[in-house]
Amino acid sequence: MNKVIKDTPRARGYFVTGTDTGVGKTLVASALVHLHAARGLRSAGMKPVASGASFDGERWRNDDADALSAASNLALPPALVNPFLFRSATAPHLAAREEGKHISIDHLERCYRDICAAAEVVIVEGAGGFLVPLDDDHNSDALAARLRLPAIMVVGIRLGCINHALLTQLAIRAKSLPLAGWVANHIDADEPYAQAMVESLTRRIDAPLLGELPWMDATDAGRAAQLLDAAALGLPAVH
């Protein structure tokens, strides 16, 4: 059993989760880092666990972790931004097993605390969906509960997203975490019922819609940041 580390800092920030993999968590997490940095706050992103890496000649890298670092206005060591990086693009517990490693929630919390010592805002991006396994005994929701950050749910607007979003909302509530809001991300340019899906979710999700991102042929976290509702997150307007 993991030992709880006392006095985890309650940094301003969020745990960004999604209804599935490939729904735009990194885009939204990076946009949130941008949003806070634009208001003069020391803003950092963290990708605790990432699966799928490429070697650049010096070290193994992950695109999601790199995007969060690029959005930040702090220079942090890669080992803090992304403590666990696995080469295979599969579920974290499977990738870790393949490399003979174990994902330690205690270590992830220590890295989070170290980032909090330097940052005013920490945006933590989960891996896959809210219940993706980290090891044989813990899922991603265990990390979210340990860090005690309010959650932001990214919903990829496509067939099946309503059920996935409502189940994810239930899972977040089951961990007694506040759901600060959700973001509708249009990931299917050809979905004929996309707007009806957003309207249905707005009626059913008990949290504010923080933004609706149009389908993008290229990732642009800066543009996405402009489409998020800063006021709903308690942030002032930028003049």
C-alpha atoms as a PDB file:
ATOM      1  CA  MET A   1       0.000   0.000   0.000  1.00  0.00           C
ATOM      2  CA  ASN A   2       1.248   3.499  -0.821  1.00  0.00           C
ATOM      3  CA  LYS A   3       2.144   5.655   2.148  1.00  0.00           C
ATOM      4  CA  VAL A   4       0.351   9.002   2.194  1.00  0.00           C
ATOM      5  CA  ILE A   5       2.760  11.921   2.229  1.00  0.00           C
ATOM      6  CA  LYS A   6       1.459  14.528   4.635  1.00  0.00           C
ATOM      7  CA  ASP A   7       0.920  18.192   3.879  1.00  0.00           C
ATOM      8  CA  THR A   8       0.626  17.884   0.126  1.00  0.00           C
ATOM      9  CA  PRO A   9       0.648  21.490  -1.100  1.00  0.00           C
ATOM     10  CA  ARG A  10      -2.701  22.729  -2.301  1.00  0.00           C
ATOM     11  CA  ALA A  11      -1.288  24.547  -5.278  1.00  0.00           C
ATOM     12  CA  ARG A  12      -3.693  26.331  -7.525  1.00  0.00           C
ATOM     13  CA  GLY A  13      -4.230  24.058 -10.426  1.00  0.00           C
ATOM     14  CA  TYR A  14      -6.194  21.209 -11.945  1.00  0.00           C
ATOM     15  CA  PHE A  15      -6.061  17.541 -12.792  1.00  0.00           C
ATOM     16  CA  VAL A  16      -6.957  17.260 -16.478  1.00  0.00           C
ATOM     17  CA  THR A  17      -8.596  13.989 -17.396  1.00  0.00           C
ATOM     18  CA  GLY A  18     -10.465  12.752 -20.433  1.00  0.00           C
ATOM     19  CA  THR A  19     -13.308  10.549 -21.505  1.00  0.00           C
ATOM     20  CA  ASP A  20     -10.829   8.382 -23.408  1.00  0.00           C
ATOM     21  CA  THR A  21      -7.403   8.516 -24.983  1.00  0.00           C
ATOM     22  CA  GLY A  22      -6.970  10.833 -27.968  1.00  0.00           C
ATOM     23  CA  VAL A  23      -9.620  13.355 -26.908  1.00  0.00           C
ATOM     24  CA  GLY A  24      -7.323  16.378 -26.564  1.00  0.00           C
ATOM     25  CA  LYS A  25      -6.182  16.332 -22.943  1.00  0.00           C
ATOM     26  CA  THR A  26      -2.743  17.674 -23.848  1.00  0.00           C
ATOM     27  CA  LEU A  27      -4.231  20.487 -25.916  1.00  0.00           C
ATOM     28  CA  VAL A  28      -6.491  21.553 -23.048  1.00  0.00           C
ATOM     29  CA  ALA A  29      -3.800  21.105 -20.384  1.00  0.00           C
ATOM     30  CA  SER A  30      -1.349  23.185 -22.416  1.00  0.00           C
ATOM     31  CA  ALA A  31      -4.038  25.813 -22.989  1.00  0.00           C
ATOM     32  CA  LEU A  32      -4.633  26.008 -19.236  1.00  0.00           C
ATOM     33  CA  VAL A  33      -0.912  26.512 -18.658  1.00  0.00           C
ATOM     34  CA  HIS A  34      -1.000  29.320 -21.278  1.00  0.00           C
ATOM     35  CA  LEU A  35      -4.096  30.837 -19.699  1.00  0.00           C
ATOM     36  CA  HIS A  36      -2.493  31.200 -16.275  1.00  0.00           C
ATOM     37  CA  ALA A  37       0.926  32.238 -17.578  1.00  0.00           C
ATOM     38  CA  ALA A  38      -0.711  35.054 -19.561  1.00  0.00           C
ATOM     39  CA  ARG A  39      -1.855  36.507 -16.241  1.00  0.00           C
ATOM     40  CA  GLY A  40       1.652  36.657 -14.856  1.00  0.00           C
ATOM     41  CA  LEU A  41       1.444  33.492 -12.775  1.00  0.00           C
ATOM     42  CA  ARG A  42       4.309  31.015 -12.644  1.00  0.00           C
ATOM     43  CA  SER A  43       2.532  28.248 -14.509  1.00  0.00           C
ATOM     44  CA  ALA A  44       3.759  24.697 -15.058  1.00  0.00           C
ATOM     45  CA  GLY A  45       2.434  21.553 -16.640  1.00  0.00           C
ATOM     46  CA  MET A  46       3.047  18.019 -15.415  1.00  0.00           C
ATOM     47  CA  LYS A  47       2.553  14.723 -17.228  1.00  0.00           C
ATOM     48  CA  PRO A  48       3.111  12.194 -14.427  1.00  0.00           C
ATOM     49  CA  VAL A  49       2.985   9.130 -16.679  1.00  0.00           C
ATOM     50  CA  ALA A  50       3.429   8.998 -20.444  1.00  0.00           C
ATOM     51  CA  SER A  51       3.463   6.031 -22.801  1.00  0.00           C
ATOM     52  CA  GLY A  52       5.026   6.414 -26.219  1.00  0.00           C
ATOM     53  CA  ALA A  53       8.477   7.916 -26.651  1.00  0.00           C
ATOM     54  CA  SER A  54      11.018   8.737 -29.342  1.00  0.00           C
ATOM     55  CA  PHE A  55      14.782   9.128 -29.003  1.00  0.00           C
ATOM     56  CA  ASP A  56      16.189  12.490 -30.133  1.00  0.00           C
ATOM     57  CA  GLY A  57      19.828  11.456 -29.992  1.00  0.00           C
ATOM     58  CA  GLU A  58      20.230  12.552 -26.388  1.00  0.00           C
ATOM     59  CA  ARG A  59      17.191  11.338 -24.466  1.00  0.00           C
ATOM     60  CA  TRP A  60      13.787   9.733 -24.806  1.00  0.00           C
ATOM     61  CA  ARG A  61      10.996  12.261 -25.255  1.00  0.00           C
ATOM     62  CA  ASN A  62       7.215  12.332 -25.237  1.00  0.00           C
ATOM     63  CA  ASP A  63       5.200  14.786 -27.340  1.00  0.00           C
ATOM     64  CA  ASP A  64       2.636  15.463 -24.596  1.00  0.00           C
ATOM     65  CA  ALA A  65       5.281  16.264 -21.976  1.00  0.00           C
ATOM     66  CA  ASP A  66       7.132  18.464 -24.472  1.00  0.00           C
ATOM     67  CA  ALA A  67       3.931  20.382 -25.268  1.00  0.00           C
ATOM     68  CA  LEU A  68       3.320  21.083 -21.573  1.00  0.00           C
ATOM     69  CA  SER A  69       6.902  22.256 -21.114  1.00  0.00           C
ATOM     70  CA  ALA A  70       6.607  24.530 -24.151  1.00  0.00           C
ATOM     71  CA  ALA A  71       3.460  26.134 -22.730  1.00  0.00           C
ATOM     72  CA  SER A  72       5.053  26.775 -19.321  1.00  0.00           C
ATOM     73  CA  ASN A  73       6.831  29.981 -18.344  1.00  0.00           C
ATOM     74  CA  LEU A  74       9.090  27.976 -16.009  1.00  0.00           C
ATOM     75  CA  ALA A  75      12.086  25.866 -16.960  1.00  0.00           C
ATOM     76  CA  LEU A  76      11.716  22.580 -15.093  1.00  0.00           C
ATOM     77  CA  PRO A  77      13.757  19.366 -15.330  1.00  0.00           C
ATOM     78  CA  PRO A  78      12.162  16.755 -17.623  1.00  0.00           C
ATOM     79  CA  ALA A  79      12.286  14.263 -14.751  1.00  0.00           C
ATOM     80  CA  LEU A  80       9.847  16.466 -12.813  1.00  0.00           C
ATOM     81  CA  VAL A  81       7.560  17.296 -15.716  1.00  0.00           C
ATOM     82  CA  ASN A  82       7.339  13.630 -16.744  1.00  0.00           C
ATOM     83  CA  PRO A  83       8.622  11.294 -14.011  1.00  0.00           C
ATOM     84  CA  PHE A  84       7.581   8.061 -15.727  1.00  0.00           C
ATOM     85  CA  LEU A  85       8.160   7.757 -19.471  1.00  0.00           C
ATOM     86  CA  PHE A  86       7.725   4.467 -21.299  1.00  0.00           C
ATOM     87  CA  ARG A  87       8.633   3.667 -24.867  1.00  0.00           C
ATOM     88  CA  SER A  88       5.580   1.662 -25.937  1.00  0.00           C
ATOM     89  CA  ALA A  89       2.390   3.577 -26.714  1.00  0.00           C
ATOM     90  CA  THR A  90       0.068   1.391 -24.676  1.00  0.00           C
ATOM     91  CA  ALA A  91      -1.643   1.420 -21.276  1.00  0.00           C
ATOM     92  CA  PRO A  92       0.830   2.637 -18.619  1.00  0.00           C
ATOM     93  CA  HIS A  93       0.762  -0.528 -16.498  1.00  0.00           C
ATOM     94  CA  LEU A  94       1.486  -2.652 -19.563  1.00  0.00           C
ATOM     95  CA  ALA A  95       4.284  -0.369 -20.756  1.00  0.00           C
ATOM     96  CA  ALA A  96       5.802  -0.320 -17.269  1.00  0.00           C
ATOM     97  CA  ARG A  97       5.631  -4.114 -17.001  1.00  0.00           C
ATOM     98  CA  GLU A  98       7.334  -4.450 -20.382  1.00  0.00           C
ATOM     99  CA  GLU A  99      10.275  -2.382 -19.104  1.00  0.00           C
ATOM    100  CA  GLY A 100      10.360  -4.059 -15.699  1.00  0.00           C
ATOM    101  CA  LYS A 101       9.383  -0.870 -13.865  1.00  0.00           C
ATOM    102  CA  HIS A 102       6.778   0.095 -11.276  1.00  0.00           C
ATOM    103  CA  ILE A 103       4.836   3.361 -11.263  1.00  0.00           C
ATOM    104  CA  SER A 104       5.101   4.780  -7.748  1.00  0.00           C
ATOM    105  CA  ILE A 105       2.351   7.169  -6.681  1.00  0.00           C
ATOM    106  CA  ASP A 106       4.557   8.256  -3.782  1.00  0.00           C
ATOM    107  CA  HIS A 107       7.264   9.326  -6.247  1.00  0.00           C
ATOM    108  CA  LEU A 108       4.718  11.131  -8.417  1.00  0.00           C
ATOM    109  CA  GLU A 109       3.504  13.065  -5.404  1.00  0.00           C
ATOM    110  CA  ARG A 110       7.049  14.047  -4.456  1.00  0.00           C
ATOM    111  CA  CYS A 111       7.636  15.359  -7.992  1.00  0.00           C
ATOM    112  CA  TYR A 112       4.376  17.282  -7.811  1.00  0.00           C
ATOM    113  CA  ARG A 113       5.430  18.829  -4.504  1.00  0.00           C
ATOM    114  CA  ASP A 114       8.768  19.862  -6.011  1.00  0.00           C
ATOM    115  CA  ILE A 115       6.988  21.574  -8.907  1.00  0.00           C
ATOM    116  CA  CYS A 116       4.676  23.330  -6.446  1.00  0.00           C
ATOM    117  CA  ALA A 117       7.747  24.773  -4.726  1.00  0.00           C
ATOM    118  CA  ALA A 118       8.584  26.637  -7.945  1.00  0.00           C
ATOM    119  CA  ALA A 119       5.165  27.271  -9.484  1.00  0.00           C
ATOM    120  CA  GLU A 120       2.027  29.129  -8.481  1.00  0.00           C
ATOM    121  CA  VAL A 121      -0.125  26.994 -10.775  1.00  0.00           C
ATOM    122  CA  VAL A 122       0.346  23.341 -11.689  1.00  0.00           C
ATOM    123  CA  ILE A 123      -1.710  21.690 -14.421  1.00  0.00           C
ATOM    124  CA  VAL A 124      -1.476  17.911 -14.135  1.00  0.00           C
ATOM    125  CA  GLU A 125      -2.462  15.878 -17.183  1.00  0.00           C
ATOM    126  CA  GLY A 126      -3.559  12.313 -16.550  1.00  0.00           C
ATOM    127  CA  ALA A 127      -2.837   9.367 -18.829  1.00  0.00           C
ATOM    128  CA  GLY A 128      -5.695   8.089 -20.967  1.00  0.00           C
ATOM    129  CA  GLY A 129      -9.047   8.054 -19.178  1.00  0.00           C
ATOM    130  CA  PHE A 130      -9.730   8.597 -15.490  1.00  0.00           C
ATOM    131  CA  LEU A 131      -9.587   4.885 -14.626  1.00  0.00           C
ATOM    132  CA  VAL A 132      -6.619   3.805 -16.751  1.00  0.00           C
ATOM    133  CA  PRO A 133      -4.490   1.359 -14.707  1.00  0.00           C
ATOM    134  CA  LEU A 134      -1.110   2.485 -13.352  1.00  0.00           C
ATOM    135  CA  ASP A 135      -0.227  -0.864 -11.772  1.00  0.00           C
ATOM    136  CA  ASP A 136      -1.986  -4.035 -10.644  1.00  0.00           C
ATOM    137  CA  ASP A 137      -3.662  -2.259  -7.718  1.00  0.00           C
ATOM    138  CA  HIS A 138      -4.078   1.418  -8.677  1.00  0.00           C
ATOM    139  CA  ASN A 139      -5.717   3.368 -11.457  1.00  0.00           C
ATOM    140  CA  SER A 140      -5.201   6.979 -12.470  1.00  0.00           C
ATOM    141  CA  ASP A 141      -8.011   8.022 -10.140  1.00  0.00           C
ATOM    142  CA  ALA A 142      -5.789   7.060  -7.180  1.00  0.00           C
ATOM    143  CA  LEU A 143      -3.228   9.655  -8.270  1.00  0.00           C
ATOM    144  CA  ALA A 144      -5.923  12.293  -8.757  1.00  0.00           C
ATOM    145  CA  ALA A 145      -7.228  11.605  -5.254  1.00  0.00           C
ATOM    146  CA  ARG A 146      -3.728  11.777  -3.767  1.00  0.00           C
ATOM    147  CA  LEU A 147      -2.990  15.185  -5.315  1.00  0.00           C
ATOM    148  CA  ARG A 148      -6.444  16.479  -4.330  1.00  0.00           C
ATOM    149  CA  LEU A 149      -6.730  18.834  -7.268  1.00  0.00           C
ATOM    150  CA  PRO A 150     -10.094  19.746  -8.793  1.00  0.00           C
ATOM    151  CA  ALA A 151     -10.648  17.922 -12.074  1.00  0.00           C
ATOM    152  CA  ILE A 152     -11.299  19.291 -15.529  1.00  0.00           C
ATOM    153  CA  MET A 153     -12.819  16.761 -17.914  1.00  0.00           C
ATOM    154  CA  VAL A 154     -12.036  16.866 -21.633  1.00  0.00           C
ATOM    155  CA  VAL A 155     -14.782  15.372 -23.767  1.00  0.00           C
ATOM    156  CA  GLY A 156     -13.907  14.382 -27.310  1.00  0.00           C
ATOM    157  CA  ILE A 157     -17.095  15.088 -29.232  1.00  0.00           C
ATOM    158  CA  ARG A 158     -17.788  11.942 -31.213  1.00  0.00           C
ATOM    159  CA  LEU A 159     -20.185   9.012 -31.198  1.00  0.00           C
ATOM    160  CA  GLY A 160     -20.284   7.507 -27.687  1.00  0.00           C
ATOM    161  CA  CYS A 161     -18.998  10.588 -25.885  1.00  0.00           C
ATOM    162  CA  ILE A 162     -22.171  11.220 -23.878  1.00  0.00           C
ATOM    163  CA  ASN A 163     -22.005   7.874 -22.107  1.00  0.00           C
ATOM    164  CA  HIS A 164     -18.244   8.162 -21.588  1.00  0.00           C
ATOM    165  CA  ALA A 165     -18.553  11.668 -20.168  1.00  0.00           C
ATOM    166  CA  LEU A 166     -21.316  10.779 -17.724  1.00  0.00           C
ATOM    167  CA  LEU A 167     -19.421   7.705 -16.515  1.00  0.00           C
ATOM    168  CA  THR A 168     -16.269   9.793 -16.060  1.00  0.00           C
ATOM    169  CA  GLN A 169     -18.234  12.368 -14.089  1.00  0.00           C
ATOM    170  CA  LEU A 170     -19.473   9.605 -11.782  1.00  0.00           C
ATOM    171  CA  ALA A 171     -15.937   8.270 -11.311  1.00  0.00           C
ATOM    172  CA  ILE A 172     -14.627  11.738 -10.391  1.00  0.00           C
ATOM    173  CA  ARG A 173     -17.437  12.241  -7.875  1.00  0.00           C
ATOM    174  CA  ALA A 174     -16.738   8.786  -6.407  1.00  0.00           C
ATOM    175  CA  LYS A 175     -13.273  10.019  -5.451  1.00  0.00           C
ATOM    176  CA  SER A 176     -14.828  13.051  -3.720  1.00  0.00           C
ATOM    177  CA  LEU A 177     -13.019  15.383  -6.094  1.00  0.00           C
ATOM    178  CA  PRO A 178     -14.633  18.584  -7.298  1.00  0.00           C
ATOM    179  CA  LEU A 179     -15.334  18.746 -11.022  1.00  0.00           C
ATOM    180  CA  ALA A 180     -14.287  22.297 -11.863  1.00  0.00           C
ATOM    181  CA  GLY A 181     -15.660  22.090 -15.376  1.00  0.00           C
ATOM    182  CA  TRP A 182     -15.444  20.376 -18.724  1.00  0.00           C
ATOM    183  CA  VAL A 183     -14.244  21.206 -22.211  1.00  0.00           C
ATOM    184  CA  ALA A 184     -15.947  20.070 -25.402  1.00  0.00           C
ATOM    185  CA  ASN A 185     -13.317  19.275 -28.021  1.00  0.00           C
ATOM    186  CA  HIS A 186     -14.562  18.668 -31.555  1.00  0.00           C
ATOM    187  CA  ILE A 187     -12.254  15.861 -32.668  1.00  0.00           C
ATOM    188  CA  ASP A 188     -14.443  14.526 -35.480  1.00  0.00           C
ATOM    189  CA  ALA A 189     -14.900  17.050 -38.269  1.00  0.00           C
ATOM    190  CA  ASP A 190     -17.587  14.894 -39.883  1.00  0.00           C
ATOM    191  CA  GLU A 191     -19.809  14.245 -36.855  1.00  0.00           C
ATOM    192  CA  PRO A 192     -23.295  15.456 -37.925  1.00  0.00           C
ATOM    193  CA  TYR A 193     -24.718  15.547 -34.392  1.00  0.00           C
ATOM    194  CA  ALA A 194     -21.774  17.279 -32.708  1.00  0.00           C
ATOM    195  CA  GLN A 195     -23.655  20.343 -31.520  1.00  0.00           C
ATOM    196  CA  ALA A 196     -26.601  18.287 -30.295  1.00  0.00           C
ATOM    197  CA  MET A 197     -24.130  16.193 -28.288  1.00  0.00           C
ATOM    198  CA  VAL A 198     -22.671  19.312 -26.662  1.00  0.00           C
ATOM    199  CA  GLU A 199     -26.151  20.573 -25.790  1.00  0.00           C
ATOM    200  CA  SER A 200     -27.086  17.210 -24.287  1.00  0.00           C
ATOM    201  CA  LEU A 201     -23.900  17.103 -22.214  1.00  0.00           C
ATOM    202  CA  THR A 202     -24.420  20.662 -21.013  1.00  0.00           C
ATOM    203  CA  ARG A 203     -27.766  19.621 -19.531  1.00  0.00           C
ATOM    204  CA  ARG A 204     -26.341  16.487 -17.916  1.00  0.00           C
ATOM    205  CA  ILE A 205     -22.917  17.446 -16.583  1.00  0.00           C
ATOM    206  CA  ASP A 206     -23.088  19.120 -13.181  1.00  0.00           C
ATOM    207  CA  ALA A 207     -20.219  21.528 -13.858  1.00  0.00           C
ATOM    208  CA  PRO A 208     -19.677  24.540 -16.125  1.00  0.00           C
ATOM    209  CA  LEU A 209     -18.716  24.221 -19.768  1.00  0.00           C
ATOM    210  CA  LEU A 210     -15.317  25.947 -19.796  1.00  0.00           C
ATOM    211  CA  GLY A 211     -14.928  26.083 -23.538  1.00  0.00           C
ATOM    212  CA  GLU A 212     -15.823  24.540 -26.860  1.00  0.00           C
ATOM    213  CA  LEU A 213     -12.854  23.890 -29.126  1.00  0.00           C
ATOM    214  CA  PRO A 214     -13.491  23.599 -32.862  1.00  0.00           C
ATOM    215  CA  TRP A 215     -11.912  20.876 -34.936  1.00  0.00           C
ATOM    216  CA  MET A 216      -8.311  21.876 -35.641  1.00  0.00           C
ATOM    217  CA  ASP A 217      -6.077  20.434 -38.345  1.00  0.00           C
ATOM    218  CA  ALA A 218      -3.073  21.428 -36.219  1.00  0.00           C
ATOM    219  CA  THR A 219      -2.652  21.673 -32.455  1.00  0.00           C
ATOM    220  CA  ASP A 220      -2.544  25.289 -31.256  1.00  0.00           C
ATOM    221  CA  ALA A 221      -2.563  25.624 -27.473  1.00  0.00           C
ATOM    222  CA  GLY A 222      -2.397  29.413 -27.658  1.00  0.00           C
ATOM    223  CA  ARG A 223      -5.545  29.564 -29.755  1.00  0.00           C
ATOM    224  CA  ALA A 224      -7.257  27.024 -27.506  1.00  0.00           C
ATOM    225  CA  ALA A 225      -6.423  29.151 -24.454  1.00  0.00           C
ATOM    226  CA  GLN A 226      -8.312  32.068 -25.984  1.00  0.00           C
ATOM    227  CA  LEU A 227     -11.407  29.872 -26.299  1.00  0.00           C
ATOM    228  CA  LEU A 228     -11.489  28.880 -22.617  1.00  0.00           C
ATOM    229  CA  ASP A 229     -13.652  30.740 -20.118  1.00  0.00           C
ATOM    230  CA  ALA A 230     -11.099  32.402 -17.840  1.00  0.00           C
ATOM    231  CA  ALA A 231     -13.807  33.980 -15.683  1.00  0.00           C
ATOM    232  CA  ALA A 232     -15.318  30.566 -14.913  1.00  0.00           C
ATOM    233  CA  LEU A 233     -11.906  29.574 -13.576  1.00  0.00           C
ATOM    234  CA  GLY A 234     -11.725  32.675 -11.398  1.00  0.00           C
ATOM    235  CA  LEU A 235      -9.140  34.408 -13.553  1.00  0.00           C
ATOM    236  CA  PRO A 236      -9.179  38.089 -14.518  1.00  0.00           C
ATOM    237  CA  ALA A 237      -9.348  39.287 -18.090  1.00  0.00           C
ATOM    238  CA  VAL A 238      -6.102  40.112 -19.870  1.00  0.00           C
ATOM    239  CA  HIS A 239      -5.926  43.719 -21.055  1.00  0.00           C
END
